[in-house]
Amino acid sequence: MNHDHEHYHKPDNKQPWWKTSFGITCIFFFAVAAYFLIKEHGAHIGNNWIYLILLACPLMHVFMHGGHGGHGSHDDNDNKDKDKED
C-alpha cells in the first residue's frame, strides 16, 4: 500500500519568501549592505577575487543541495522496484 501524502505537507499557494513583503525588505537591506561593503573594501576584493570564487563553490554546494534532497536520493526508483518484487 503506497500512498503519496506529499500534498498534505506543502500548501499549493505558498509564495516564495522573496516575493513576500518581508523578503523584499530583506533583499533591499542586503543589497544596500553589499553596496557599502564593496564600496569600502573594493581594494581588498580586487586583490583577492580568486579566493572569493573558490570559497563560493563549497558554499553553493552546501546550501543548494536542499533543493533536491541531498546526496543519496537519486536512486529511489531502485527501491520501488525491490518493493514490488516482495
Protein backbone atom coordinates (compact mmCIF):
# COMPACT_ATOMS: atom_id res chain seq x y z
CA MET A 1 0.00 0.00 0.00
CA ASN A 2 1.78 3.09 -1.26
CA HIS A 3 0.16 6.45 -0.55
CA ASP A 4 1.60 9.75 -1.64
CA HIS A 5 0.98 12.24 1.16
CA GLU A 6 3.26 14.94 -0.24
CA HIS A 7 0.36 17.28 -0.98
CA TYR A 8 -0.64 17.36 2.69
CA HIS A 9 2.66 18.87 3.77
CA LYS A 10 3.07 21.59 1.15
CA PRO A 11 0.44 24.26 0.57
CA ASP A 12 -0.31 24.86 -3.10
CA ASN A 13 -0.49 28.64 -2.96
CA LYS A 14 2.52 29.41 -0.80
CA GLN A 15 4.65 32.24 -2.18
CA PRO A 16 8.43 32.05 -2.17
CA TRP A 17 9.92 34.10 0.66
CA TRP A 18 11.48 36.66 -1.69
CA LYS A 19 8.05 37.61 -3.06
CA THR A 20 6.66 38.48 0.37
CA SER A 21 6.94 41.99 1.79
CA PHE A 22 9.41 40.73 4.41
CA GLY A 23 11.55 39.10 1.70
CA ILE A 24 11.60 42.22 -0.47
CA THR A 25 12.61 44.31 2.55
CA CYS A 26 15.41 41.87 3.43
CA ILE A 27 16.70 41.82 -0.15
CA PHE A 28 16.71 45.63 -0.21
CA PHE A 29 18.73 45.87 3.01
CA PHE A 30 21.14 43.14 1.88
CA ALA A 31 21.66 44.98 -1.40
CA VAL A 32 22.40 48.26 0.42
CA ALA A 33 24.77 46.47 2.81
CA ALA A 34 26.53 44.73 -0.10
CA TYR A 35 26.93 48.05 -1.92
CA PHE A 36 28.61 49.71 1.06
CA LEU A 37 30.71 46.64 1.80
CA ILE A 38 32.01 46.54 -1.76
CA LYS A 39 32.45 50.32 -1.84
CA GLU A 40 34.54 50.38 1.33
CA HIS A 41 36.51 47.18 0.75
CA GLY A 42 36.85 47.25 -3.03
CA ALA A 43 40.66 47.24 -2.88
CA HIS A 44 40.71 44.04 -0.85
CA ILE A 45 38.16 42.34 -3.09
CA GLY A 46 40.11 43.34 -6.19
CA ASN A 47 43.28 41.71 -4.90
CA ASN A 48 41.65 38.51 -3.63
CA TRP A 49 38.77 37.84 -6.05
CA ILE A 50 40.02 34.36 -6.98
CA TYR A 51 39.76 33.24 -3.35
CA LEU A 52 36.21 34.55 -3.15
CA ILE A 53 35.24 32.47 -6.20
CA LEU A 54 36.87 29.37 -4.70
CA LEU A 55 35.05 29.99 -1.42
CA ALA A 56 31.72 30.33 -3.25
CA CYS A 57 31.96 26.79 -4.71
CA PRO A 58 31.69 24.80 -1.44
CA LEU A 59 29.16 27.26 -0.02
CA MET A 60 26.90 26.85 -3.05
CA HIS A 61 27.33 23.07 -2.83
CA VAL A 62 26.23 23.02 0.81
CA PHE A 63 23.31 25.41 0.54
CA MET A 64 21.93 24.33 -2.82
CA HIS A 65 21.57 20.63 -2.03
CA GLY A 66 18.38 21.42 -0.12
CA GLY A 67 16.51 21.76 -3.41
CA HIS A 68 16.82 18.13 -4.47
CA GLY A 69 17.08 16.28 -1.20
CA GLY A 70 20.83 15.99 -0.84
CA HIS A 71 23.03 13.04 -1.67
CA GLY A 72 21.60 9.55 -1.84
CA SER A 73 18.11 10.40 -3.06
CA HIS A 74 18.84 9.87 -6.74
CA ASP A 75 18.13 6.13 -6.91
CA ASP A 76 14.66 5.96 -5.37
CA ASN A 77 13.39 4.01 -8.39
CA ASP A 78 15.62 1.05 -7.48
CA ASN A 79 13.98 0.82 -4.04
CA LYS A 80 10.48 0.94 -5.53
CA ASP A 81 11.31 -1.96 -7.88
CA LYS A 82 12.53 -4.04 -4.94
CA ASP A 83 9.29 -3.36 -3.04
CA LYS A 84 7.21 -4.59 -5.99
CA GLU A 85 9.11 -7.88 -6.14
CA ASP A 86 8.33 -8.71 -2.49
